[in-house]
Amino acid sequence: MPDKRPLRDDLQATLDARRDLGPDYDAALVESFVERLDETIAARVRAELTLHGAAPHKHQAKNPGSAMIPIALGSMGIGIPLTAIAAGNAGLVGLTITWLAIVIINVAAAAAIMRRG
């Protein structure tokens, strides 16, 4: 069980300071104590996680693939006019290069999302 004396000492110091300074400083004193309390709680949680071998987990979306939807839709939206431009100006070679670039961009985006997720 962690030692509670430092937290009690902080509370006592806050109460003593309130007595000395008066009610004009109540908000600042409370805020200061709450910050120390938050730090103490966070340290205890970290210690418990370390003790039990649990690593803090990243917040993940329910479906990490859902982040790809805007990228895929954007690729399709941009791909249609690019297809017309590339095929009209450069023929099959331009069309192939355009869609190869779109595929590479989508694969790179998917890989980045999977690494992050």
PDB file of N, CA and C in Angstrom:
ATOM      1  N   MET A   1       0.852  -1.187   0.000  1.00  0.00           N
ATOM      2  CA  MET A   1       0.000   0.000   0.000  1.00  0.00           C
ATOM      3  C   MET A   1       0.892   1.243   0.000  1.00  0.00           C
ATOM      4  N   PRO A   2       0.690   2.164  -0.942  1.00  0.00           N
ATOM      5  CA  PRO A   2       1.523   3.361  -1.012  1.00  0.00           C
ATOM      6  C   PRO A   2       1.342   4.241   0.228  1.00  0.00           C
ATOM      7  N   ASP A   3       2.377   4.982   0.530  1.00  0.00           N
ATOM      8  CA  ASP A   3       2.350   5.890   1.672  1.00  0.00           C
ATOM      9  C   ASP A   3       1.442   7.073   1.356  1.00  0.00           C
ATOM     10  N   LYS A   4       0.450   7.314   2.209  1.00  0.00           N
ATOM     11  CA  LYS A   4      -0.518   8.392   1.988  1.00  0.00           C
ATOM     12  C   LYS A   4      -0.109   9.687   2.671  1.00  0.00           C
ATOM     13  N   ARG A   5       0.993   9.645   3.432  1.00  0.00           N
ATOM     14  CA  ARG A   5       1.404  10.854   4.158  1.00  0.00           C
ATOM     15  C   ARG A   5       1.703  12.049   3.264  1.00  0.00           C
ATOM     16  N   PRO A   6       2.395  11.876   2.138  1.00  0.00           N
ATOM     17  CA  PRO A   6       2.655  13.064   1.307  1.00  0.00           C
ATOM     18  C   PRO A   6       1.368  13.754   0.847  1.00  0.00           C
ATOM     19  N   LEU A   7       0.365  12.986   0.492  1.00  0.00           N
ATOM     20  CA  LEU A   7      -0.897  13.563   0.056  1.00  0.00           C
ATOM     21  C   LEU A   7      -1.604  14.255   1.223  1.00  0.00           C
ATOM     22  N   ARG A   8      -1.563  13.636   2.385  1.00  0.00           N
ATOM     23  CA  ARG A   8      -2.153  14.266   3.579  1.00  0.00           C
ATOM     24  C   ARG A   8      -1.404  15.549   3.921  1.00  0.00           C
ATOM     25  N   ASP A   9      -0.085  15.510   3.792  1.00  0.00           N
ATOM     26  CA  ASP A   9       0.717  16.712   4.064  1.00  0.00           C
ATOM     27  C   ASP A   9       0.359  17.831   3.085  1.00  0.00           C
ATOM     28  N   ASP A  10       0.156  17.471   1.813  1.00  0.00           N
ATOM     29  CA  ASP A  10      -0.241  18.464   0.814  1.00  0.00           C
ATOM     30  C   ASP A  10      -1.592  19.081   1.166  1.00  0.00           C
ATOM     31  N   LEU A  11      -2.536  18.240   1.587  1.00  0.00           N
ATOM     32  CA  LEU A  11      -3.856  18.751   1.958  1.00  0.00           C
ATOM     33  C   LEU A  11      -3.749  19.657   3.179  1.00  0.00           C
ATOM     34  N   GLN A  12      -2.967  19.248   4.148  1.00  0.00           N
ATOM     35  CA  GLN A  12      -2.795  20.081   5.346  1.00  0.00           C
ATOM     36  C   GLN A  12      -2.143  21.410   4.982  1.00  0.00           C
ATOM     37  N   ALA A  13      -1.152  21.376   4.114  1.00  0.00           N
ATOM     38  CA  ALA A  13      -0.490  22.614   3.687  1.00  0.00           C
ATOM     39  C   ALA A  13      -1.472  23.519   2.948  1.00  0.00           C
ATOM     40  N   THR A  14      -2.348  22.914   2.128  1.00  0.00           N
ATOM     41  CA  THR A  14      -3.359  23.696   1.417  1.00  0.00           C
ATOM     42  C   THR A  14      -4.322  24.353   2.397  1.00  0.00           C
ATOM     43  N   LEU A  15      -4.755  23.589   3.392  1.00  0.00           N
ATOM     44  CA  LEU A  15      -5.666  24.148   4.405  1.00  0.00           C
ATOM     45  C   LEU A  15      -4.994  25.256   5.220  1.00  0.00           C
ATOM     46  N   ASP A  16      -3.731  25.036   5.567  1.00  0.00           N
ATOM     47  CA  ASP A  16      -2.992  26.069   6.307  1.00  0.00           C
ATOM     48  C   ASP A  16      -2.835  27.331   5.470  1.00  0.00           C
ATOM     49  N   ALA A  17      -2.529  27.150   4.185  1.00  0.00           N
ATOM     50  CA  ALA A  17      -2.372  28.307   3.304  1.00  0.00           C
ATOM     51  C   ALA A  17      -3.699  29.042   3.148  1.00  0.00           C
ATOM     52  N   ARG A  18      -4.791  28.307   3.101  1.00  0.00           N
ATOM     53  CA  ARG A  18      -6.106  28.934   2.987  1.00  0.00           C
ATOM     54  C   ARG A  18      -6.398  29.764   4.230  1.00  0.00           C
ATOM     55  N   ARG A  19      -6.029  29.215   5.382  1.00  0.00           N
ATOM     56  CA  ARG A  19      -6.230  29.942   6.632  1.00  0.00           C
ATOM     57  C   ARG A  19      -5.399  31.225   6.646  1.00  0.00           C
ATOM     58  N   ASP A  20      -4.162  31.148   6.151  1.00  0.00           N
ATOM     59  CA  ASP A  20      -3.270  32.309   6.151  1.00  0.00           C
ATOM     60  C   ASP A  20      -3.647  33.333   5.082  1.00  0.00           C
ATOM     61  N   LEU A  21      -4.041  32.858   3.905  1.00  0.00           N
ATOM     62  CA  LEU A  21      -4.281  33.754   2.775  1.00  0.00           C
ATOM     63  C   LEU A  21      -5.713  34.273   2.695  1.00  0.00           C
ATOM     64  N   GLY A  22      -6.629  33.516   3.218  1.00  0.00           N
ATOM     65  CA  GLY A  22      -8.026  33.941   3.170  1.00  0.00           C
ATOM     66  C   GLY A  22      -8.748  33.373   1.973  1.00  0.00           C
ATOM     67  N   PRO A  23     -10.060  33.636   1.916  1.00  0.00           N
ATOM     68  CA  PRO A  23     -10.905  33.032   0.875  1.00  0.00           C
ATOM     69  C   PRO A  23     -10.629  33.539  -0.539  1.00  0.00           C
ATOM     70  N   ASP A  24      -9.891  34.625  -0.695  1.00  0.00           N
ATOM     71  CA  ASP A  24      -9.599  35.131  -2.040  1.00  0.00           C
ATOM     72  C   ASP A  24      -8.750  34.155  -2.856  1.00  0.00           C
ATOM     73  N   TYR A  25      -8.037  33.284  -2.199  1.00  0.00           N
ATOM     74  CA  TYR A  25      -7.137  32.354  -2.873  1.00  0.00           C
ATOM     75  C   TYR A  25      -7.695  30.929  -2.937  1.00  0.00           C
ATOM     76  N   ASP A  26      -8.960  30.757  -2.575  1.00  0.00           N
ATOM     77  CA  ASP A  26      -9.551  29.418  -2.553  1.00  0.00           C
ATOM     78  C   ASP A  26      -9.405  28.692  -3.885  1.00  0.00           C
ATOM     79  N   ALA A  27      -9.775  29.343  -4.976  1.00  0.00           N
ATOM     80  CA  ALA A  27      -9.744  28.688  -6.290  1.00  0.00           C
ATOM     81  C   ALA A  27      -8.324  28.248  -6.658  1.00  0.00           C
ATOM     82  N   ALA A  28      -7.348  29.099  -6.425  1.00  0.00           N
ATOM     83  CA  ALA A  28      -5.963  28.757  -6.756  1.00  0.00           C
ATOM     84  C   ALA A  28      -5.454  27.614  -5.879  1.00  0.00           C
ATOM     85  N   LEU A  29      -5.808  27.642  -4.603  1.00  0.00           N
ATOM     86  CA  LEU A  29      -5.363  26.585  -3.699  1.00  0.00           C
ATOM     87  C   LEU A  29      -6.001  25.246  -4.053  1.00  0.00           C
ATOM     88  N   VAL A  30      -7.286  25.271  -4.365  1.00  0.00           N
ATOM     89  CA  VAL A  30      -7.968  24.036  -4.749  1.00  0.00           C
ATOM     90  C   VAL A  30      -7.375  23.490  -6.040  1.00  0.00           C
ATOM     91  N   GLU A  31      -7.148  24.345  -7.002  1.00  0.00           N
ATOM     92  CA  GLU A  31      -6.577  23.906  -8.284  1.00  0.00           C
ATOM     93  C   GLU A  31      -5.196  23.289  -8.081  1.00  0.00           C
ATOM     94  N   SER A  32      -4.391  23.907  -7.241  1.00  0.00           N
ATOM     95  CA  SER A  32      -3.060  23.388  -6.968  1.00  0.00           C
ATOM     96  C   SER A  32      -3.133  22.013  -6.310  1.00  0.00           C
ATOM     97  N   PHE A  33      -4.025  21.867  -5.347  1.00  0.00           N
ATOM     98  CA  PHE A  33      -4.165  20.572  -4.679  1.00  0.00           C
ATOM     99  C   PHE A  33      -4.684  19.507  -5.638  1.00  0.00           C
ATOM    100  N   VAL A  34      -5.643  19.862  -6.482  1.00  0.00           N
ATOM    101  CA  VAL A  34      -6.199  18.900  -7.439  1.00  0.00           C
ATOM    102  C   VAL A  34      -5.124  18.431  -8.410  1.00  0.00           C
ATOM    103  N   GLU A  35      -4.250  19.322  -8.851  1.00  0.00           N
ATOM    104  CA  GLU A  35      -3.155  18.928  -9.745  1.00  0.00           C
ATOM    105  C   GLU A  35      -2.239  17.917  -9.059  1.00  0.00           C
ATOM    106  N   ARG A  36      -1.899  18.160  -7.789  1.00  0.00           N
ATOM    107  CA  ARG A  36      -1.045  17.214  -7.057  1.00  0.00           C
ATOM    108  C   ARG A  36      -1.766  15.886  -6.851  1.00  0.00           C
ATOM    109  N   LEU A  37      -3.074  15.952  -6.593  1.00  0.00           N
ATOM    110  CA  LEU A  37      -3.858  14.733  -6.431  1.00  0.00           C
ATOM    111  C   LEU A  37      -3.888  13.935  -7.733  1.00  0.00           C
ATOM    112  N   ASP A  38      -4.089  14.614  -8.861  1.00  0.00           N
ATOM    113  CA  ASP A  38      -4.075  13.944 -10.169  1.00  0.00           C
ATOM    114  C   ASP A  38      -2.735  13.270 -10.431  1.00  0.00           C
ATOM    115  N   GLU A  39      -1.649  13.958 -10.108  1.00  0.00           N
ATOM    116  CA  GLU A  39      -0.314  13.379 -10.310  1.00  0.00           C
ATOM    117  C   GLU A  39      -0.128  12.140  -9.440  1.00  0.00           C
ATOM    118  N   THR A  40      -0.614  12.196  -8.216  1.00  0.00           N
ATOM    119  CA  THR A  40      -0.496  11.062  -7.306  1.00  0.00           C
ATOM    120  C   THR A  40      -1.297   9.872  -7.823  1.00  0.00           C
ATOM    121  N   ILE A  41      -2.506  10.120  -8.273  1.00  0.00           N
ATOM    122  CA  ILE A  41      -3.348   9.043  -8.803  1.00  0.00           C
ATOM    123  C   ILE A  41      -2.703   8.430 -10.046  1.00  0.00           C
ATOM    124  N   ALA A  42      -2.212   9.269 -10.941  1.00  0.00           N
ATOM    125  CA  ALA A  42      -1.569   8.767 -12.162  1.00  0.00           C
ATOM    126  C   ALA A  42      -0.349   7.918 -11.828  1.00  0.00           C
ATOM    127  N   ALA A  43       0.436   8.342 -10.854  1.00  0.00           N
ATOM    128  CA  ALA A  43       1.619   7.574 -10.455  1.00  0.00           C
ATOM    129  C   ALA A  43       1.207   6.224  -9.872  1.00  0.00           C
ATOM    130  N   ARG A  44       0.149   6.205  -9.098  1.00  0.00           N
ATOM    131  CA  ARG A  44      -0.317   4.940  -8.517  1.00  0.00           C
ATOM    132  C   ARG A  44      -0.841   3.996  -9.592  1.00  0.00           C
ATOM    133  N   VAL A  45      -1.551   4.540 -10.558  1.00  0.00           N
ATOM    134  CA  VAL A  45      -2.059   3.701 -11.647  1.00  0.00           C
ATOM    135  C   VAL A  45      -0.901   3.115 -12.441  1.00  0.00           C
ATOM    136  N   ARG A  46       0.090   3.957 -12.760  1.00  0.00           N
ATOM    137  CA  ARG A  46       1.267   3.453 -13.488  1.00  0.00           C
ATOM    138  C   ARG A  46       1.967   2.362 -12.690  1.00  0.00           C
ATOM    139  N   ALA A  47       2.090   2.556 -11.378  1.00  0.00           N
ATOM    140  CA  ALA A  47       2.747   1.560 -10.538  1.00  0.00           C
ATOM    141  C   ALA A  47       1.970   0.247 -10.536  1.00  0.00           C
ATOM    142  N   GLU A  48       0.655   0.317 -10.468  1.00  0.00           N
ATOM    143  CA  GLU A  48      -0.166  -0.898 -10.501  1.00  0.00           C
ATOM    144  C   GLU A  48      -0.043  -1.607 -11.842  1.00  0.00           C
ATOM    145  N   LEU A  49      -0.059  -0.844 -12.927  1.00  0.00           N
ATOM    146  CA  LEU A  49       0.079  -1.456 -14.246  1.00  0.00           C
ATOM    147  C   LEU A  49       1.430  -2.140 -14.388  1.00  0.00           C
ATOM    148  N   THR A  50       2.459  -1.499 -13.904  1.00  0.00           N
ATOM    149  CA  THR A  50       3.797  -2.079 -13.967  1.00  0.00           C
ATOM    150  C   THR A  50       3.881  -3.335 -13.109  1.00  0.00           C
ATOM    151  N   LEU A  51       3.281  -3.272 -11.929  1.00  0.00           N
ATOM    152  CA  LEU A  51       3.297  -4.408 -11.010  1.00  0.00           C
ATOM    153  C   LEU A  51       2.618  -5.624 -11.613  1.00  0.00           C
ATOM    154  N   HIS A  52       1.536  -5.403 -12.326  1.00  0.00           N
ATOM    155  CA  HIS A  52       0.778  -6.511 -12.903  1.00  0.00           C
ATOM    156  C   HIS A  52       1.180  -6.826 -14.335  1.00  0.00           C
ATOM    157  N   GLY A  53       2.198  -6.147 -14.836  1.00  0.00           N
ATOM    158  CA  GLY A  53       2.704  -6.435 -16.170  1.00  0.00           C
ATOM    159  C   GLY A  53       1.810  -5.971 -17.294  1.00  0.00           C
ATOM    160  N   ALA A  54       0.883  -5.089 -16.998  1.00  0.00           N
ATOM    161  CA  ALA A  54      -0.015  -4.589 -18.040  1.00  0.00           C
ATOM    162  C   ALA A  54       0.560  -3.313 -18.618  1.00  0.00           C
ATOM    163  N   ALA A  55       0.647  -3.285 -19.919  1.00  0.00           N
ATOM    164  CA  ALA A  55       1.126  -2.075 -20.594  1.00  0.00           C
ATOM    165  C   ALA A  55      -0.071  -1.217 -20.944  1.00  0.00           C
ATOM    166  N   PRO A  56       0.068   0.109 -20.816  1.00  0.00           N
ATOM    167  CA  PRO A  56      -1.035   0.968 -21.243  1.00  0.00           C
ATOM    168  C   PRO A  56      -1.316   0.734 -22.724  1.00  0.00           C
ATOM    169  N   HIS A  57      -2.568   0.633 -23.096  1.00  0.00           N
ATOM    170  CA  HIS A  57      -2.909   0.353 -24.480  1.00  0.00           C
ATOM    171  C   HIS A  57      -3.284   1.633 -25.200  1.00  0.00           C
ATOM    172  N   LYS A  58      -3.058   1.587 -26.493  1.00  0.00           N
ATOM    173  CA  LYS A  58      -3.435   2.716 -27.338  1.00  0.00           C
ATOM    174  C   LYS A  58      -4.928   2.664 -27.577  1.00  0.00           C
ATOM    175  N   HIS A  59      -5.499   3.840 -27.704  1.00  0.00           N
ATOM    176  CA  HIS A  59      -6.914   3.895 -28.065  1.00  0.00           C
ATOM    177  C   HIS A  59      -7.026   3.553 -29.540  1.00  0.00           C
ATOM    178  N   GLN A  60      -7.824   2.549 -29.823  1.00  0.00           N
ATOM    179  CA  GLN A  60      -7.989   2.136 -31.208  1.00  0.00           C
ATOM    180  C   GLN A  60      -9.424   2.335 -31.641  1.00  0.00           C
ATOM    181  N   ALA A  61      -9.565   2.629 -32.882  1.00  0.00           N
ATOM    182  CA  ALA A  61     -10.901   2.686 -33.446  1.00  0.00           C
ATOM    183  C   ALA A  61     -11.467   1.272 -33.444  1.00  0.00           C
ATOM    184  N   LYS A  62     -12.788   1.166 -33.414  1.00  0.00           N
ATOM    185  CA  LYS A  62     -13.407  -0.156 -33.412  1.00  0.00           C
ATOM    186  C   LYS A  62     -13.041  -0.918 -34.675  1.00  0.00           C
ATOM    187  N   ASN A  63     -12.902  -0.214 -35.762  1.00  0.00           N
ATOM    188  CA  ASN A  63     -12.540  -0.831 -37.030  1.00  0.00           C
ATOM    189  C   ASN A  63     -11.443   0.006 -37.668  1.00  0.00           C
ATOM    190  N   PRO A  64     -10.175  -0.390 -37.508  1.00  0.00           N
ATOM    191  CA  PRO A  64      -9.100   0.431 -38.061  1.00  0.00           C
ATOM    192  C   PRO A  64      -9.182   0.606 -39.569  1.00  0.00           C
ATOM    193  N   GLY A  65      -9.838  -0.318 -40.261  1.00  0.00           N
ATOM    194  CA  GLY A  65     -10.000  -0.196 -41.706  1.00  0.00           C
ATOM    195  C   GLY A  65     -10.924   0.939 -42.099  1.00  0.00           C
ATOM    196  N   SER A  66     -11.733   1.425 -41.161  1.00  0.00           N
ATOM    197  CA  SER A  66     -12.658   2.509 -41.485  1.00  0.00           C
ATOM    198  C   SER A  66     -11.916   3.807 -41.812  1.00  0.00           C
ATOM    199  N   ALA A  67     -10.678   3.928 -41.386  1.00  0.00           N
ATOM    200  CA  ALA A  67      -9.884   5.110 -41.713  1.00  0.00           C
ATOM    201  C   ALA A  67      -9.516   5.138 -43.196  1.00  0.00           C
ATOM    202  N   MET A  68      -9.604   3.993 -43.853  1.00  0.00           N
ATOM    203  CA  MET A  68      -9.272   3.914 -45.279  1.00  0.00           C
ATOM    204  C   MET A  68     -10.417   4.372 -46.172  1.00  0.00           C
ATOM    205  N   ILE A  69     -11.628   4.430 -45.649  1.00  0.00           N
ATOM    206  CA  ILE A  69     -12.790   4.768 -46.484  1.00  0.00           C
ATOM    207  C   ILE A  69     -12.635   6.129 -47.158  1.00  0.00           C
ATOM    208  N   PRO A  70     -12.283   7.203 -46.427  1.00  0.00           N
ATOM    209  CA  PRO A  70     -12.127   8.487 -47.124  1.00  0.00           C
ATOM    210  C   PRO A  70     -11.018   8.467 -48.171  1.00  0.00           C
ATOM    211  N   ILE A  71      -9.955   7.740 -47.894  1.00  0.00           N
ATOM    212  CA  ILE A  71      -8.846   7.669 -48.853  1.00  0.00           C
ATOM    213  C   ILE A  71      -9.293   6.928 -50.110  1.00  0.00           C
ATOM    214  N   ALA A  72      -9.997   5.814 -49.936  1.00  0.00           N
ATOM    215  CA  ALA A  72     -10.472   5.048 -51.092  1.00  0.00           C
ATOM    216  C   ALA A  72     -11.476   5.856 -51.917  1.00  0.00           C
ATOM    217  N   LEU A  73     -12.416   6.514 -51.242  1.00  0.00           N
ATOM    218  CA  LEU A  73     -13.395   7.326 -51.971  1.00  0.00           C
ATOM    219  C   LEU A  73     -12.734   8.503 -52.689  1.00  0.00           C
ATOM    220  N   GLY A  74     -11.760   9.113 -52.017  1.00  0.00           N
ATOM    221  CA  GLY A  74     -11.026  10.209 -52.653  1.00  0.00           C
ATOM    222  C   GLY A  74     -10.253   9.737 -53.869  1.00  0.00           C
ATOM    223  N   SER A  75      -9.674   8.546 -53.759  1.00  0.00           N
ATOM    224  CA  SER A  75      -8.940   7.986 -54.901  1.00  0.00           C
ATOM    225  C   SER A  75      -9.856   7.735 -56.082  1.00  0.00           C
ATOM    226  N   MET A  76     -11.039   7.220 -55.789  1.00  0.00           N
ATOM    227  CA  MET A  76     -11.996   6.976 -56.871  1.00  0.00           C
ATOM    228  C   MET A  76     -12.468   8.298 -57.478  1.00  0.00           C
ATOM    229  N   GLY A  77     -12.746   9.279 -56.644  1.00  0.00           N
ATOM    230  CA  GLY A  77     -13.202  10.576 -57.144  1.00  0.00           C
ATOM    231  C   GLY A  77     -12.158  11.276 -57.995  1.00  0.00           C
ATOM    232  N   ILE A  78     -10.903  11.184 -57.596  1.00  0.00           N
ATOM    233  CA  ILE A  78      -9.821  11.801 -58.367  1.00  0.00           C
ATOM    234  C   ILE A  78      -9.439  10.919 -59.560  1.00  0.00           C
ATOM    235  N   GLY A  79      -9.592   9.603 -59.353  1.00  0.00           N
ATOM    236  CA  GLY A  79      -9.199   8.665 -60.404  1.00  0.00           C
ATOM    237  C   GLY A  79     -10.021   8.780 -61.671  1.00  0.00           C
ATOM    238  N   ILE A  80     -11.286   9.113 -61.556  1.00  0.00           N
ATOM    239  CA  ILE A  80     -12.147   9.197 -62.745  1.00  0.00           C
ATOM    240  C   ILE A  80     -11.680  10.295 -63.701  1.00  0.00           C
ATOM    241  N   PRO A  81     -11.526  11.547 -63.230  1.00  0.00           N
ATOM    242  CA  PRO A  81     -11.041  12.551 -64.186  1.00  0.00           C
ATOM    243  C   PRO A  81      -9.599  12.305 -64.629  1.00  0.00           C
ATOM    244  N   LEU A  82      -8.766  11.781 -63.728  1.00  0.00           N
ATOM    245  CA  LEU A  82      -7.384  11.487 -64.132  1.00  0.00           C
ATOM    246  C   LEU A  82      -7.340  10.407 -65.210  1.00  0.00           C
ATOM    247  N   THR A  83      -8.255   9.458 -65.134  1.00  0.00           N
ATOM    248  CA  THR A  83      -8.334   8.413 -66.158  1.00  0.00           C
ATOM    249  C   THR A  83      -8.631   9.022 -67.525  1.00  0.00           C
ATOM    250  N   ALA A  84      -9.587   9.922 -67.548  1.00  0.00           N
ATOM    251  CA  ALA A  84      -9.946  10.569 -68.813  1.00  0.00           C
ATOM    252  C   ALA A  84      -8.785  11.391 -69.354  1.00  0.00           C
ATOM    253  N   ILE A  85      -8.148  12.149 -68.491  1.00  0.00           N
ATOM    254  CA  ILE A  85      -7.024  12.997 -68.930  1.00  0.00           C
ATOM    255  C   ILE A  85      -5.860  12.143 -69.412  1.00  0.00           C
ATOM    256  N   ALA A  86      -5.488  11.119 -68.593  1.00  0.00           N
ATOM    257  CA  ALA A  86      -4.341  10.282 -68.941  1.00  0.00           C
ATOM    258  C   ALA A  86      -4.601   9.495 -70.224  1.00  0.00           C
ATOM    259  N   ALA A  87      -5.792   8.909 -70.350  1.00  0.00           N
ATOM    260  CA  ALA A  87      -6.104   8.116 -71.546  1.00  0.00           C
ATOM    261  C   ALA A  87      -6.182   9.000 -72.782  1.00  0.00           C
ATOM    262  N   GLY A  88      -6.713  10.201 -72.622  1.00  0.00           N
ATOM    263  CA  GLY A  88      -6.831  11.118 -73.764  1.00  0.00           C
ATOM    264  C   GLY A  88      -5.489  11.654 -74.219  1.00  0.00           C
ATOM    265  N   ASN A  89      -4.580  11.907 -73.295  1.00  0.00           N
ATOM    266  CA  ASN A  89      -3.298  12.518 -73.647  1.00  0.00           C
ATOM    267  C   ASN A  89      -2.171  11.520 -73.874  1.00  0.00           C
ATOM    268  N   ALA A  90      -2.166  10.417 -73.111  1.00  0.00           N
ATOM    269  CA  ALA A  90      -1.017   9.511 -73.197  1.00  0.00           C
ATOM    270  C   ALA A  90      -1.419   8.077 -73.516  1.00  0.00           C
ATOM    271  N   GLY A  91      -2.695   7.836 -73.723  1.00  0.00           N
ATOM    272  CA  GLY A  91      -3.131   6.491 -74.105  1.00  0.00           C
ATOM    273  C   GLY A  91      -3.005   5.497 -72.968  1.00  0.00           C
ATOM    274  N   LEU A  92      -2.754   4.267 -73.350  1.00  0.00           N
ATOM    275  CA  LEU A  92      -2.687   3.168 -72.380  1.00  0.00           C
ATOM    276  C   LEU A  92      -1.539   3.345 -71.388  1.00  0.00           C
ATOM    277  N   VAL A  93      -0.415   3.876 -71.848  1.00  0.00           N
ATOM    278  CA  VAL A  93       0.724   4.088 -70.946  1.00  0.00           C
ATOM    279  C   VAL A  93       0.351   5.093 -69.851  1.00  0.00           C
ATOM    280  N   GLY A  94      -0.268   6.193 -70.215  1.00  0.00           N
ATOM    281  CA  GLY A  94      -0.672   7.207 -69.244  1.00  0.00           C
ATOM    282  C   GLY A  94      -1.706   6.668 -68.274  1.00  0.00           C
ATOM    283  N   LEU A  95      -2.647   5.880 -68.817  1.00  0.00           N
ATOM    284  CA  LEU A  95      -3.674   5.269 -67.984  1.00  0.00           C
ATOM    285  C   LEU A  95      -3.049   4.318 -66.962  1.00  0.00           C
ATOM    286  N   THR A  96      -2.107   3.509 -67.404  1.00  0.00           N
ATOM    287  CA  THR A  96      -1.432   2.554 -66.525  1.00  0.00           C
ATOM    288  C   THR A  96      -0.645   3.276 -65.441  1.00  0.00           C
ATOM    289  N   ILE A  97       0.106   4.297 -65.814  1.00  0.00           N
ATOM    290  CA  ILE A  97       0.897   5.056 -64.839  1.00  0.00           C
ATOM    291  C   ILE A  97      -0.014   5.728 -63.814  1.00  0.00           C
ATOM    292  N   THR A  98      -1.125   6.300 -64.273  1.00  0.00           N
ATOM    293  CA  THR A  98      -2.048   6.985 -63.371  1.00  0.00           C
ATOM    294  C   THR A  98      -2.603   6.030 -62.326  1.00  0.00           C
ATOM    295  N   TRP A  99      -3.126   4.876 -62.774  1.00  0.00           N
ATOM    296  CA  TRP A  99      -3.729   3.953 -61.820  1.00  0.00           C
ATOM    297  C   TRP A  99      -2.681   3.238 -60.974  1.00  0.00           C
ATOM    298  N   LEU A 100      -1.496   3.064 -61.483  1.00  0.00           N
ATOM    299  CA  LEU A 100      -0.416   2.496 -60.669  1.00  0.00           C
ATOM    300  C   LEU A 100      -0.068   3.458 -59.532  1.00  0.00           C
ATOM    301  N   ALA A 101      -0.024   4.749 -59.839  1.00  0.00           N
ATOM    302  CA  ALA A 101       0.249   5.749 -58.802  1.00  0.00           C
ATOM    303  C   ALA A 101      -0.863   5.762 -57.751  1.00  0.00           C
ATOM    304  N   ILE A 102      -2.115   5.649 -58.195  1.00  0.00           N
ATOM    305  CA  ILE A 102      -3.236   5.634 -57.248  1.00  0.00           C
ATOM    306  C   ILE A 102      -3.152   4.400 -56.348  1.00  0.00           C
ATOM    307  N   VAL A 103      -2.826   3.259 -56.928  1.00  0.00           N
ATOM    308  CA  VAL A 103      -2.694   2.028 -56.137  1.00  0.00           C
ATOM    309  C   VAL A 103      -1.563   2.161 -55.126  1.00  0.00           C
ATOM    310  N   ILE A 104      -0.428   2.699 -55.532  1.00  0.00           N
ATOM    311  CA  ILE A 104       0.716   2.857 -54.626  1.00  0.00           C
ATOM    312  C   ILE A 104       0.356   3.787 -53.463  1.00  0.00           C
ATOM    313  N   ILE A 105      -0.324   4.870 -53.755  1.00  0.00           N
ATOM    314  CA  ILE A 105      -0.737   5.808 -52.704  1.00  0.00           C
ATOM    315  C   ILE A 105      -1.674   5.122 -51.712  1.00  0.00           C
ATOM    316  N   ASN A 106      -2.632   4.347 -52.212  1.00  0.00           N
ATOM    317  CA  ASN A 106      -3.570   3.649 -51.338  1.00  0.00           C
ATOM    318  C   ASN A 106      -2.878   2.585 -50.494  1.00  0.00           C
ATOM    319  N   VAL A 107      -1.958   1.849 -51.069  1.00  0.00           N
ATOM    320  CA  VAL A 107      -1.229   0.824 -50.322  1.00  0.00           C
ATOM    321  C   VAL A 107      -0.374   1.479 -49.230  1.00  0.00           C
ATOM    322  N   ALA A 108       0.287   2.580 -49.558  1.00  0.00           N
ATOM    323  CA  ALA A 108       1.099   3.283 -48.561  1.00  0.00           C
ATOM    324  C   ALA A 108       0.224   3.829 -47.426  1.00  0.00           C
ATOM    325  N   ALA A 109      -0.936   4.360 -47.769  1.00  0.00           N
ATOM    326  CA  ALA A 109      -1.853   4.867 -46.738  1.00  0.00           C
ATOM    327  C   ALA A 109      -2.345   3.736 -45.859  1.00  0.00           C
ATOM    328  N   ALA A 110      -2.692   2.606 -46.455  1.00  0.00           N
ATOM    329  CA  ALA A 110      -3.177   1.462 -45.679  1.00  0.00           C
ATOM    330  C   ALA A 110      -2.066   0.942 -44.750  1.00  0.00           C
ATOM    331  N   ALA A 111      -0.856   0.887 -45.238  1.00  0.00           N
ATOM    332  CA  ALA A 111       0.255   0.424 -44.404  1.00  0.00           C
ATOM    333  C   ALA A 111       0.495   1.366 -43.227  1.00  0.00           C
ATOM    334  N   ALA A 112       0.396   2.662 -43.472  1.00  0.00           N
ATOM    335  CA  ALA A 112       0.573   3.639 -42.391  1.00  0.00           C
ATOM    336  C   ALA A 112      -0.537   3.506 -41.348  1.00  0.00           C
ATOM    337  N   ILE A 113      -1.749   3.284 -41.790  1.00  0.00           N
ATOM    338  CA  ILE A 113      -2.869   3.121 -40.861  1.00  0.00           C
ATOM    339  C   ILE A 113      -2.706   1.837 -40.053  1.00  0.00           C
ATOM    340  N   MET A 114      -2.269   0.776 -40.673  1.00  0.00           N
ATOM    341  CA  MET A 114      -2.087  -0.485 -39.954  1.00  0.00           C
ATOM    342  C   MET A 114      -0.950  -0.391 -38.943  1.00  0.00           C
ATOM    343  N   ARG A 115       0.126   0.315 -39.270  1.00  0.00           N
ATOM    344  CA  ARG A 115       1.230   0.512 -38.311  1.00  0.00           C
ATOM    345  C   ARG A 115       0.753   1.327 -37.115  1.00  0.00           C
ATOM    346  N   ARG A 116      -0.023   2.345 -37.383  1.00  0.00           N
ATOM    347  CA  ARG A 116      -0.509   3.238 -36.342  1.00  0.00           C
ATOM    348  C   ARG A 116      -1.560   2.552 -35.480  1.00  0.00           C
ATOM    349  N   GLY A 117      -2.408   1.748 -36.102  1.00  0.00           N
ATOM    350  CA  GLY A 117      -3.531   1.110 -35.398  1.00  0.00           C
ATOM    351  C   GLY A 117      -3.084  -0.086 -34.668  1.00  0.00           C
TER     352      GLY A 117
END
